[in-house]
Amino acid sequence: AQAVKDAIDAGYRHIDCALYYLNEEEVGAGIKAKIDEGVVKREELFVTSKLWCNLMRPDLCAFCKSLDIVITAYSPLGSPDRPWAKPGDPILVKEPKILALAEKYKKTPAQIILRYLHQLGVVPIPKSVTKSRIAENLDIWDFQLNAADVAVLDTFDCNGRVCQHSEGAGHPNHPFENDEW
């Protein structure tokens, strides 16, 4: 609940939850606390969950934009602390090209990635429980990546997935049943 309260205090109005996260109770408690304090009204908050899809990103983006559907990026920083990472798996916030862009723009690697997604028209939903990072992740509005730097970031699209979500395997609506792991 504290991370949600910190996020609302920092200015966040889009709160992400999911049955998979097992965080609905804490999200609700944090929202209720801030409503009770008068910091925010419920109608000012956007609380979202997940719709799993296995369309490829460019096709999905074009399809959704044609219908005025806003796409959110789940785990937009690549879950750098994920315990299931294999040796050699990329850690986006440590990639040399992203580190170079961070230095160029005087921003953190996370801010570069989040700004990139925003410029693509995708709403990133970064996870953090650290108060300073919660505020830092919101500080992406005072710069814009140029076209050449966007092209550099485009090269990281490997049509991959860092979160497996295998607990739903076998369910008829689970989208990742083939060799997509």
N, C-alpha and C. Protein backbone atom coordinates (compact mmCIF):
# COMPACT_ATOMS: atom_id res chain seq x y z
N ALA A 1 0.82 -1.19 0.00
CA ALA A 1 0.00 0.00 0.00
C ALA A 1 0.87 1.25 0.00
N GLN A 2 2.03 1.20 0.63
CA GLN A 2 2.88 2.39 0.72
C GLN A 2 3.36 2.84 -0.65
N ALA A 3 3.72 1.91 -1.53
CA ALA A 3 4.19 2.28 -2.87
C ALA A 3 3.07 2.98 -3.64
N VAL A 4 1.84 2.52 -3.50
CA VAL A 4 0.70 3.16 -4.17
C VAL A 4 0.50 4.57 -3.60
N LYS A 5 0.58 4.72 -2.29
CA LYS A 5 0.45 6.04 -1.68
C LYS A 5 1.56 6.98 -2.16
N ASP A 6 2.79 6.46 -2.22
CA ASP A 6 3.91 7.28 -2.71
C ASP A 6 3.70 7.67 -4.17
N ALA A 7 3.20 6.75 -4.97
CA ALA A 7 2.95 7.03 -6.39
C ALA A 7 1.89 8.12 -6.55
N ILE A 8 0.81 8.02 -5.81
CA ILE A 8 -0.24 9.05 -5.88
C ILE A 8 0.31 10.39 -5.43
N ASP A 9 1.08 10.40 -4.35
CA ASP A 9 1.69 11.65 -3.88
C ASP A 9 2.63 12.25 -4.92
N ALA A 10 3.30 11.40 -5.71
CA ALA A 10 4.23 11.88 -6.74
C ALA A 10 3.51 12.39 -7.98
N GLY A 11 2.20 12.08 -8.10
CA GLY A 11 1.44 12.56 -9.25
C GLY A 11 0.89 11.49 -10.15
N TYR A 12 1.21 10.23 -9.87
CA TYR A 12 0.68 9.15 -10.70
C TYR A 12 -0.84 9.09 -10.56
N ARG A 13 -1.51 8.83 -11.68
CA ARG A 13 -2.95 8.64 -11.65
C ARG A 13 -3.36 7.35 -12.37
N HIS A 14 -2.40 6.65 -12.91
CA HIS A 14 -2.63 5.35 -13.56
C HIS A 14 -2.00 4.28 -12.67
N ILE A 15 -2.82 3.46 -12.05
CA ILE A 15 -2.34 2.43 -11.14
C ILE A 15 -2.62 1.07 -11.77
N ASP A 16 -1.61 0.25 -11.84
CA ASP A 16 -1.72 -1.05 -12.48
C ASP A 16 -1.77 -2.16 -11.44
N CYS A 17 -2.68 -3.08 -11.63
CA CYS A 17 -2.74 -4.25 -10.75
C CYS A 17 -3.13 -5.46 -11.59
N ALA A 18 -3.06 -6.63 -10.98
CA ALA A 18 -3.44 -7.86 -11.67
C ALA A 18 -3.55 -8.98 -10.66
N LEU A 19 -4.40 -9.93 -10.98
CA LEU A 19 -4.50 -11.12 -10.16
C LEU A 19 -3.13 -11.77 -10.04
N TYR A 20 -2.37 -11.77 -11.13
CA TYR A 20 -1.04 -12.38 -11.16
C TYR A 20 -0.11 -11.75 -10.12
N TYR A 21 -0.24 -10.44 -9.90
CA TYR A 21 0.64 -9.75 -8.95
C TYR A 21 0.27 -10.02 -7.50
N LEU A 22 -0.96 -10.44 -7.28
CA LEU A 22 -1.48 -10.61 -5.92
C LEU A 22 -1.39 -9.29 -5.14
N ASN A 23 -1.69 -8.18 -5.84
CA ASN A 23 -1.55 -6.87 -5.20
C ASN A 23 -2.85 -6.09 -5.11
N GLU A 24 -3.96 -6.71 -5.45
CA GLU A 24 -5.22 -5.96 -5.46
C GLU A 24 -5.56 -5.38 -4.09
N GLU A 25 -5.35 -6.14 -3.03
CA GLU A 25 -5.68 -5.67 -1.69
C GLU A 25 -4.82 -4.45 -1.31
N GLU A 26 -3.51 -4.51 -1.59
CA GLU A 26 -2.63 -3.40 -1.27
C GLU A 26 -2.94 -2.17 -2.13
N VAL A 27 -3.21 -2.40 -3.42
CA VAL A 27 -3.56 -1.28 -4.29
C VAL A 27 -4.83 -0.60 -3.77
N GLY A 28 -5.83 -1.40 -3.43
CA GLY A 28 -7.07 -0.85 -2.90
C GLY A 28 -6.85 -0.07 -1.61
N ALA A 29 -6.01 -0.59 -0.72
CA ALA A 29 -5.74 0.08 0.55
C ALA A 29 -5.03 1.41 0.33
N GLY A 30 -4.07 1.43 -0.59
CA GLY A 30 -3.35 2.67 -0.89
C GLY A 30 -4.26 3.72 -1.50
N ILE A 31 -5.10 3.30 -2.44
CA ILE A 31 -6.05 4.22 -3.06
C ILE A 31 -7.03 4.76 -2.02
N LYS A 32 -7.57 3.87 -1.20
CA LYS A 32 -8.53 4.29 -0.18
C LYS A 32 -7.91 5.30 0.78
N ALA A 33 -6.67 5.05 1.18
CA ALA A 33 -6.00 5.96 2.11
C ALA A 33 -5.88 7.36 1.51
N LYS A 34 -5.51 7.44 0.24
CA LYS A 34 -5.33 8.75 -0.40
C LYS A 34 -6.66 9.44 -0.67
N ILE A 35 -7.70 8.67 -0.94
CA ILE A 35 -9.04 9.25 -1.08
C ILE A 35 -9.50 9.78 0.28
N ASP A 36 -9.31 8.98 1.32
CA ASP A 36 -9.70 9.39 2.68
C ASP A 36 -8.95 10.64 3.13
N GLU A 37 -7.69 10.78 2.69
CA GLU A 37 -6.89 11.95 3.06
C GLU A 37 -7.28 13.18 2.24
N GLY A 38 -8.07 12.97 1.18
CA GLY A 38 -8.47 14.09 0.33
C GLY A 38 -7.43 14.46 -0.72
N VAL A 39 -6.43 13.61 -0.90
CA VAL A 39 -5.37 13.88 -1.87
C VAL A 39 -5.89 13.71 -3.30
N VAL A 40 -6.78 12.75 -3.50
CA VAL A 40 -7.27 12.42 -4.83
C VAL A 40 -8.71 11.94 -4.74
N LYS A 41 -9.44 12.09 -5.82
CA LYS A 41 -10.79 11.54 -5.92
C LYS A 41 -10.72 10.29 -6.79
N ARG A 42 -11.61 9.36 -6.55
CA ARG A 42 -11.59 8.10 -7.30
C ARG A 42 -11.68 8.33 -8.81
N GLU A 43 -12.49 9.30 -9.22
CA GLU A 43 -12.67 9.55 -10.66
C GLU A 43 -11.42 10.13 -11.33
N GLU A 44 -10.42 10.51 -10.53
CA GLU A 44 -9.15 11.00 -11.07
C GLU A 44 -8.15 9.88 -11.32
N LEU A 45 -8.48 8.68 -10.90
CA LEU A 45 -7.56 7.55 -11.02
C LEU A 45 -7.99 6.59 -12.12
N PHE A 46 -7.00 6.03 -12.79
CA PHE A 46 -7.22 4.98 -13.78
C PHE A 46 -6.57 3.72 -13.22
N VAL A 47 -7.38 2.75 -12.88
CA VAL A 47 -6.88 1.50 -12.32
C VAL A 47 -7.06 0.45 -13.41
N THR A 48 -5.96 -0.21 -13.78
CA THR A 48 -6.00 -1.16 -14.89
C THR A 48 -5.56 -2.55 -14.46
N SER A 49 -5.90 -3.51 -15.30
CA SER A 49 -5.45 -4.88 -15.14
C SER A 49 -4.94 -5.35 -16.49
N LYS A 50 -4.91 -6.65 -16.75
CA LYS A 50 -4.27 -7.18 -17.95
C LYS A 50 -5.23 -7.87 -18.92
N LEU A 51 -4.93 -7.69 -20.21
CA LEU A 51 -5.52 -8.47 -21.28
C LEU A 51 -4.33 -9.05 -22.03
N TRP A 52 -4.11 -10.36 -21.92
CA TRP A 52 -2.94 -10.96 -22.56
C TRP A 52 -3.19 -11.12 -24.04
N CYS A 53 -2.19 -10.83 -24.83
CA CYS A 53 -2.31 -10.90 -26.29
C CYS A 53 -1.00 -11.43 -26.86
N ASN A 54 -1.10 -12.25 -27.90
CA ASN A 54 0.12 -12.77 -28.49
C ASN A 54 0.37 -12.25 -29.90
N LEU A 55 -0.27 -11.12 -30.26
CA LEU A 55 0.05 -10.49 -31.53
C LEU A 55 1.43 -9.86 -31.43
N MET A 56 2.12 -9.77 -32.55
CA MET A 56 3.43 -9.16 -32.56
C MET A 56 3.28 -7.66 -32.34
N ARG A 57 4.28 -7.02 -31.75
CA ARG A 57 4.13 -5.63 -31.35
C ARG A 57 3.74 -4.67 -32.47
N PRO A 58 4.44 -4.65 -33.61
CA PRO A 58 4.04 -3.67 -34.65
C PRO A 58 2.60 -3.88 -35.12
N ASP A 59 2.20 -5.14 -35.31
CA ASP A 59 0.82 -5.42 -35.73
C ASP A 59 -0.17 -4.99 -34.66
N LEU A 60 0.15 -5.28 -33.42
CA LEU A 60 -0.73 -4.92 -32.31
C LEU A 60 -0.86 -3.41 -32.20
N CYS A 61 0.25 -2.70 -32.29
CA CYS A 61 0.20 -1.24 -32.19
C CYS A 61 -0.64 -0.64 -33.30
N ALA A 62 -0.42 -1.07 -34.53
CA ALA A 62 -1.18 -0.52 -35.66
C ALA A 62 -2.66 -0.83 -35.52
N PHE A 63 -2.99 -2.06 -35.14
CA PHE A 63 -4.39 -2.45 -34.96
C PHE A 63 -5.05 -1.62 -33.88
N CYS A 64 -4.39 -1.49 -32.75
CA CYS A 64 -4.97 -0.74 -31.63
C CYS A 64 -5.12 0.73 -31.97
N LYS A 65 -4.11 1.32 -32.59
CA LYS A 65 -4.21 2.74 -32.95
C LYS A 65 -5.35 2.97 -33.94
N SER A 66 -5.59 2.02 -34.84
CA SER A 66 -6.68 2.19 -35.80
C SER A 66 -8.04 2.22 -35.10
N LEU A 67 -8.11 1.67 -33.90
CA LEU A 67 -9.36 1.65 -33.12
C LEU A 67 -9.32 2.62 -31.94
N ASP A 68 -8.31 3.49 -31.90
CA ASP A 68 -8.13 4.44 -30.79
C ASP A 68 -8.01 3.74 -29.44
N ILE A 69 -7.36 2.58 -29.43
CA ILE A 69 -7.08 1.85 -28.19
C ILE A 69 -5.67 2.20 -27.75
N VAL A 70 -5.52 2.59 -26.51
CA VAL A 70 -4.21 2.95 -25.97
C VAL A 70 -3.53 1.68 -25.46
N ILE A 71 -2.28 1.51 -25.83
CA ILE A 71 -1.50 0.34 -25.41
C ILE A 71 -0.67 0.72 -24.19
N THR A 72 -0.63 -0.17 -23.21
CA THR A 72 0.25 0.02 -22.07
C THR A 72 1.37 -1.01 -22.13
N ALA A 73 2.53 -0.59 -21.72
CA ALA A 73 3.70 -1.47 -21.73
C ALA A 73 3.88 -2.08 -20.34
N TYR A 74 3.65 -3.37 -20.24
CA TYR A 74 3.86 -4.11 -19.01
C TYR A 74 5.34 -4.42 -18.87
N SER A 75 5.90 -4.18 -17.72
CA SER A 75 7.32 -4.44 -17.46
C SER A 75 8.21 -3.74 -18.49
N PRO A 76 8.02 -2.42 -18.67
CA PRO A 76 8.72 -1.72 -19.75
C PRO A 76 10.23 -1.61 -19.58
N LEU A 77 10.72 -1.84 -18.37
CA LEU A 77 12.16 -1.78 -18.15
C LEU A 77 12.80 -3.16 -18.21
N GLY A 78 12.01 -4.16 -18.56
CA GLY A 78 12.55 -5.50 -18.74
C GLY A 78 12.76 -6.28 -17.46
N SER A 79 12.15 -5.86 -16.37
CA SER A 79 12.29 -6.56 -15.08
C SER A 79 13.75 -6.93 -14.81
N PRO A 80 14.62 -5.93 -14.61
CA PRO A 80 16.05 -6.23 -14.49
C PRO A 80 16.41 -7.16 -13.33
N ASP A 81 15.59 -7.24 -12.32
CA ASP A 81 15.89 -8.11 -11.17
C ASP A 81 15.17 -9.44 -11.23
N ARG A 82 14.66 -9.81 -12.40
CA ARG A 82 13.89 -11.05 -12.51
C ARG A 82 14.75 -12.27 -12.18
N PRO A 83 14.29 -13.09 -11.26
CA PRO A 83 15.10 -14.24 -10.84
C PRO A 83 15.18 -15.34 -11.89
N TRP A 84 14.30 -15.34 -12.86
CA TRP A 84 14.29 -16.40 -13.87
C TRP A 84 15.14 -16.05 -15.10
N ALA A 85 15.85 -14.93 -15.06
CA ALA A 85 16.68 -14.55 -16.21
C ALA A 85 17.76 -15.60 -16.43
N LYS A 86 18.01 -15.86 -17.71
CA LYS A 86 19.06 -16.80 -18.09
C LYS A 86 20.35 -16.03 -18.35
N PRO A 87 21.49 -16.68 -18.19
CA PRO A 87 22.75 -16.00 -18.53
C PRO A 87 22.70 -15.51 -19.97
N GLY A 88 23.10 -14.27 -20.17
CA GLY A 88 23.08 -13.70 -21.51
C GLY A 88 21.81 -12.96 -21.85
N ASP A 89 20.75 -13.11 -21.04
CA ASP A 89 19.53 -12.35 -21.28
C ASP A 89 19.85 -10.86 -21.14
N PRO A 90 19.27 -10.04 -22.00
CA PRO A 90 19.57 -8.60 -21.91
C PRO A 90 19.00 -7.97 -20.64
N ILE A 91 19.71 -7.02 -20.12
CA ILE A 91 19.23 -6.18 -19.03
C ILE A 91 19.23 -4.77 -19.61
N LEU A 92 18.06 -4.31 -20.04
CA LEU A 92 17.96 -3.07 -20.81
C LEU A 92 18.62 -1.88 -20.14
N VAL A 93 18.44 -1.73 -18.85
CA VAL A 93 18.99 -0.55 -18.18
C VAL A 93 20.52 -0.59 -18.07
N LYS A 94 21.12 -1.69 -18.50
CA LYS A 94 22.59 -1.80 -18.49
C LYS A 94 23.16 -1.92 -19.90
N GLU A 95 22.32 -1.85 -20.91
CA GLU A 95 22.78 -1.96 -22.30
C GLU A 95 23.63 -0.74 -22.67
N PRO A 96 24.81 -0.93 -23.25
CA PRO A 96 25.70 0.20 -23.57
C PRO A 96 25.04 1.30 -24.41
N LYS A 97 24.24 0.94 -25.39
CA LYS A 97 23.60 1.97 -26.23
C LYS A 97 22.63 2.82 -25.41
N ILE A 98 21.93 2.19 -24.49
CA ILE A 98 20.97 2.92 -23.65
C ILE A 98 21.73 3.76 -22.63
N LEU A 99 22.82 3.22 -22.09
CA LEU A 99 23.65 3.99 -21.16
C LEU A 99 24.22 5.24 -21.85
N ALA A 100 24.62 5.10 -23.11
CA ALA A 100 25.15 6.24 -23.86
C ALA A 100 24.07 7.30 -24.08
N LEU A 101 22.87 6.86 -24.38
CA LEU A 101 21.77 7.83 -24.55
C LEU A 101 21.44 8.52 -23.22
N ALA A 102 21.49 7.77 -22.14
CA ALA A 102 21.23 8.35 -20.83
C ALA A 102 22.26 9.45 -20.52
N GLU A 103 23.50 9.18 -20.85
CA GLU A 103 24.54 10.19 -20.63
C GLU A 103 24.31 11.41 -21.52
N LYS A 104 23.97 11.16 -22.78
CA LYS A 104 23.74 12.25 -23.73
C LYS A 104 22.63 13.17 -23.26
N TYR A 105 21.54 12.60 -22.77
CA TYR A 105 20.38 13.39 -22.37
C TYR A 105 20.39 13.77 -20.89
N LYS A 106 21.41 13.33 -20.16
CA LYS A 106 21.51 13.59 -18.72
C LYS A 106 20.28 13.04 -17.98
N LYS A 107 19.93 11.81 -18.32
CA LYS A 107 18.80 11.11 -17.73
C LYS A 107 19.25 9.72 -17.32
N THR A 108 18.41 8.99 -16.63
CA THR A 108 18.74 7.60 -16.29
C THR A 108 18.36 6.70 -17.46
N PRO A 109 18.93 5.49 -17.53
CA PRO A 109 18.51 4.55 -18.57
C PRO A 109 17.00 4.29 -18.53
N ALA A 110 16.44 4.19 -17.34
CA ALA A 110 14.99 3.96 -17.23
C ALA A 110 14.22 5.12 -17.85
N GLN A 111 14.65 6.34 -17.61
CA GLN A 111 13.95 7.49 -18.18
C GLN A 111 14.04 7.50 -19.71
N ILE A 112 15.16 7.06 -20.26
CA ILE A 112 15.31 6.97 -21.72
C ILE A 112 14.29 5.97 -22.28
N ILE A 113 14.19 4.81 -21.66
CA ILE A 113 13.26 3.78 -22.12
C ILE A 113 11.82 4.26 -22.00
N LEU A 114 11.48 4.87 -20.88
CA LEU A 114 10.11 5.34 -20.66
C LEU A 114 9.75 6.45 -21.64
N ARG A 115 10.67 7.37 -21.90
CA ARG A 115 10.41 8.44 -22.86
C ARG A 115 10.23 7.86 -24.26
N TYR A 116 11.06 6.89 -24.63
CA TYR A 116 10.95 6.22 -25.93
C TYR A 116 9.55 5.63 -26.11
N LEU A 117 9.08 4.92 -25.13
CA LEU A 117 7.75 4.32 -25.23
C LEU A 117 6.68 5.39 -25.35
N HIS A 118 6.80 6.46 -24.58
CA HIS A 118 5.84 7.55 -24.68
C HIS A 118 5.81 8.12 -26.09
N GLN A 119 6.98 8.33 -26.68
CA GLN A 119 7.04 8.86 -28.03
C GLN A 119 6.45 7.91 -29.06
N LEU A 120 6.42 6.62 -28.76
CA LEU A 120 5.77 5.65 -29.65
C LEU A 120 4.26 5.64 -29.47
N GLY A 121 3.77 6.35 -28.46
CA GLY A 121 2.34 6.35 -28.18
C GLY A 121 1.92 5.22 -27.26
N VAL A 122 2.89 4.63 -26.58
CA VAL A 122 2.64 3.53 -25.66
C VAL A 122 2.76 4.08 -24.24
N VAL A 123 1.81 3.71 -23.37
CA VAL A 123 1.83 4.16 -21.98
C VAL A 123 2.61 3.14 -21.15
N PRO A 124 3.79 3.51 -20.68
CA PRO A 124 4.57 2.56 -19.86
C PRO A 124 4.04 2.52 -18.43
N ILE A 125 4.04 1.33 -17.84
CA ILE A 125 3.65 1.17 -16.44
C ILE A 125 4.81 0.52 -15.68
N PRO A 126 5.82 1.33 -15.36
CA PRO A 126 6.98 0.78 -14.65
C PRO A 126 6.63 0.41 -13.22
N LYS A 127 7.21 -0.69 -12.77
CA LYS A 127 7.01 -1.14 -11.40
C LYS A 127 8.17 -0.63 -10.55
N SER A 128 7.84 -0.04 -9.43
CA SER A 128 8.85 0.31 -8.46
C SER A 128 8.19 0.45 -7.11
N VAL A 129 8.92 0.09 -6.08
CA VAL A 129 8.47 0.32 -4.71
C VAL A 129 9.41 1.31 -4.01
N THR A 130 10.37 1.84 -4.77
CA THR A 130 11.34 2.78 -4.23
C THR A 130 10.86 4.20 -4.51
N LYS A 131 10.64 4.97 -3.47
CA LYS A 131 10.06 6.31 -3.60
C LYS A 131 10.82 7.17 -4.60
N SER A 132 12.15 7.17 -4.55
CA SER A 132 12.93 8.01 -5.46
C SER A 132 12.77 7.57 -6.92
N ARG A 133 12.68 6.28 -7.15
CA ARG A 133 12.49 5.79 -8.53
C ARG A 133 11.07 6.05 -9.03
N ILE A 134 10.11 5.98 -8.13
CA ILE A 134 8.73 6.31 -8.52
C ILE A 134 8.70 7.74 -9.07
N ALA A 135 9.31 8.68 -8.37
CA ALA A 135 9.35 10.07 -8.83
C ALA A 135 10.20 10.19 -10.10
N GLU A 136 11.34 9.52 -10.13
CA GLU A 136 12.25 9.57 -11.28
C GLU A 136 11.57 9.05 -12.55
N ASN A 137 10.80 7.98 -12.42
CA ASN A 137 10.13 7.40 -13.58
C ASN A 137 9.10 8.34 -14.19
N LEU A 138 8.63 9.29 -13.43
CA LEU A 138 7.65 10.26 -13.91
C LEU A 138 8.33 11.48 -14.55
N ASP A 139 9.62 11.63 -14.35
CA ASP A 139 10.36 12.80 -14.81
C ASP A 139 10.92 12.58 -16.22
N ILE A 140 10.00 12.47 -17.20
CA ILE A 140 10.40 12.23 -18.59
C ILE A 140 9.85 13.28 -19.55
N TRP A 141 9.33 14.37 -19.02
CA TRP A 141 8.61 15.32 -19.86
C TRP A 141 9.45 16.51 -20.31
N ASP A 142 10.68 16.61 -19.85
CA ASP A 142 11.49 17.78 -20.17
C ASP A 142 12.51 17.52 -21.29
N PHE A 143 12.34 16.43 -22.02
CA PHE A 143 13.23 16.15 -23.15
C PHE A 143 12.50 15.29 -24.16
N GLN A 144 13.04 15.27 -25.38
CA GLN A 144 12.49 14.43 -26.44
C GLN A 144 13.64 13.78 -27.17
N LEU A 145 13.49 12.49 -27.44
CA LEU A 145 14.52 11.76 -28.19
C LEU A 145 14.44 12.14 -29.66
N ASN A 146 15.59 12.36 -30.29
CA ASN A 146 15.56 12.67 -31.71
C ASN A 146 15.37 11.38 -32.53
N ALA A 147 15.10 11.54 -33.81
CA ALA A 147 14.77 10.39 -34.67
C ALA A 147 15.89 9.36 -34.71
N ALA A 148 17.14 9.82 -34.74
CA ALA A 148 18.26 8.88 -34.78
C ALA A 148 18.33 8.05 -33.51
N ASP A 149 18.05 8.67 -32.37
CA ASP A 149 18.09 7.95 -31.09
C ASP A 149 16.90 7.00 -30.96
N VAL A 150 15.75 7.39 -31.48
CA VAL A 150 14.60 6.48 -31.51
C VAL A 150 14.96 5.25 -32.35
N ALA A 151 15.65 5.46 -33.48
CA ALA A 151 16.05 4.34 -34.33
C ALA A 151 17.00 3.39 -33.59
N VAL A 152 17.88 3.95 -32.77
CA VAL A 152 18.78 3.11 -31.96
C VAL A 152 17.94 2.25 -31.01
N LEU A 153 16.98 2.86 -30.35
CA LEU A 153 16.15 2.11 -29.40
C LEU A 153 15.27 1.08 -30.11
N ASP A 154 14.86 1.38 -31.33
CA ASP A 154 14.07 0.40 -32.11
C ASP A 154 14.83 -0.91 -32.31
N THR A 155 16.16 -0.86 -32.29
CA THR A 155 16.94 -2.08 -32.53
C THR A 155 16.82 -3.09 -31.39
N PHE A 156 16.30 -2.66 -30.25
CA PHE A 156 16.14 -3.58 -29.12
C PHE A 156 14.89 -4.43 -29.21
N ASP A 157 14.02 -4.14 -30.19
CA ASP A 157 12.80 -4.94 -30.35
C ASP A 157 13.19 -6.30 -30.91
N CYS A 158 13.14 -7.31 -30.05
CA CYS A 158 13.53 -8.66 -30.45
C CYS A 158 12.32 -9.60 -30.49
N ASN A 159 11.11 -9.02 -30.41
CA ASN A 159 9.88 -9.80 -30.40
C ASN A 159 9.94 -10.86 -29.31
N GLY A 160 10.53 -10.49 -28.21
CA GLY A 160 10.68 -11.43 -27.10
C GLY A 160 9.82 -11.05 -25.93
N ARG A 161 9.95 -11.81 -24.88
CA ARG A 161 9.15 -11.59 -23.67
C ARG A 161 10.03 -11.92 -22.47
N VAL A 162 10.01 -11.06 -21.46
CA VAL A 162 10.82 -11.32 -20.28
C VAL A 162 10.02 -11.96 -19.16
N CYS A 163 8.70 -11.88 -19.23
CA CYS A 163 7.84 -12.48 -18.20
C CYS A 163 7.07 -13.63 -18.82
N GLN A 164 7.31 -14.82 -18.32
CA GLN A 164 6.77 -16.02 -18.95
C GLN A 164 5.30 -16.29 -18.67
N HIS A 165 4.84 -16.04 -17.48
CA HIS A 165 3.44 -16.28 -17.08
C HIS A 165 3.01 -17.71 -17.42
N SER A 166 3.82 -18.66 -17.01
CA SER A 166 3.55 -20.06 -17.32
C SER A 166 2.48 -20.68 -16.45
N GLU A 167 2.08 -20.01 -15.37
CA GLU A 167 1.08 -20.61 -14.48
C GLU A 167 -0.27 -20.80 -15.17
N GLY A 168 -0.51 -20.13 -16.28
CA GLY A 168 -1.76 -20.32 -17.00
C GLY A 168 -1.67 -21.34 -18.11
N ALA A 169 -0.50 -21.96 -18.28
CA ALA A 169 -0.31 -22.93 -19.36
C ALA A 169 -1.35 -24.03 -19.26
N GLY A 170 -1.89 -24.40 -20.39
CA GLY A 170 -2.90 -25.44 -20.44
C GLY A 170 -4.32 -24.90 -20.47
N HIS A 171 -4.51 -23.67 -20.02
CA HIS A 171 -5.84 -23.05 -20.08
C HIS A 171 -6.15 -22.71 -21.53
N PRO A 172 -7.38 -22.92 -21.98
CA PRO A 172 -7.70 -22.69 -23.40
C PRO A 172 -7.46 -21.26 -23.87
N ASN A 173 -7.46 -20.29 -22.98
CA ASN A 173 -7.24 -18.90 -23.38
C ASN A 173 -5.82 -18.39 -23.09
N HIS A 174 -4.95 -19.28 -22.64
CA HIS A 174 -3.56 -18.87 -22.39
C HIS A 174 -2.88 -18.64 -23.74
N PRO A 175 -2.32 -17.43 -23.98
CA PRO A 175 -1.83 -17.11 -25.33
C PRO A 175 -0.45 -17.65 -25.66
N PHE A 176 0.29 -18.18 -24.70
CA PHE A 176 1.67 -18.58 -24.97
C PHE A 176 1.84 -20.09 -24.83
N GLU A 177 1.30 -20.85 -25.74
CA GLU A 177 1.31 -22.30 -25.63
C GLU A 177 2.36 -22.98 -26.51
N ASN A 178 2.90 -22.27 -27.46
CA ASN A 178 3.79 -22.91 -28.42
C ASN A 178 5.24 -22.72 -28.03
N ASP A 179 6.08 -22.39 -28.99
CA ASP A 179 7.50 -22.22 -28.73
C ASP A 179 7.85 -20.76 -28.42
N GLU A 180 6.89 -20.02 -27.86
CA GLU A 180 7.06 -18.61 -27.61
C GLU A 180 7.82 -18.31 -26.34
N TRP A 181 8.24 -19.32 -25.58
CA TRP A 181 8.93 -19.06 -24.32
C TRP A 181 10.30 -18.59 -24.63
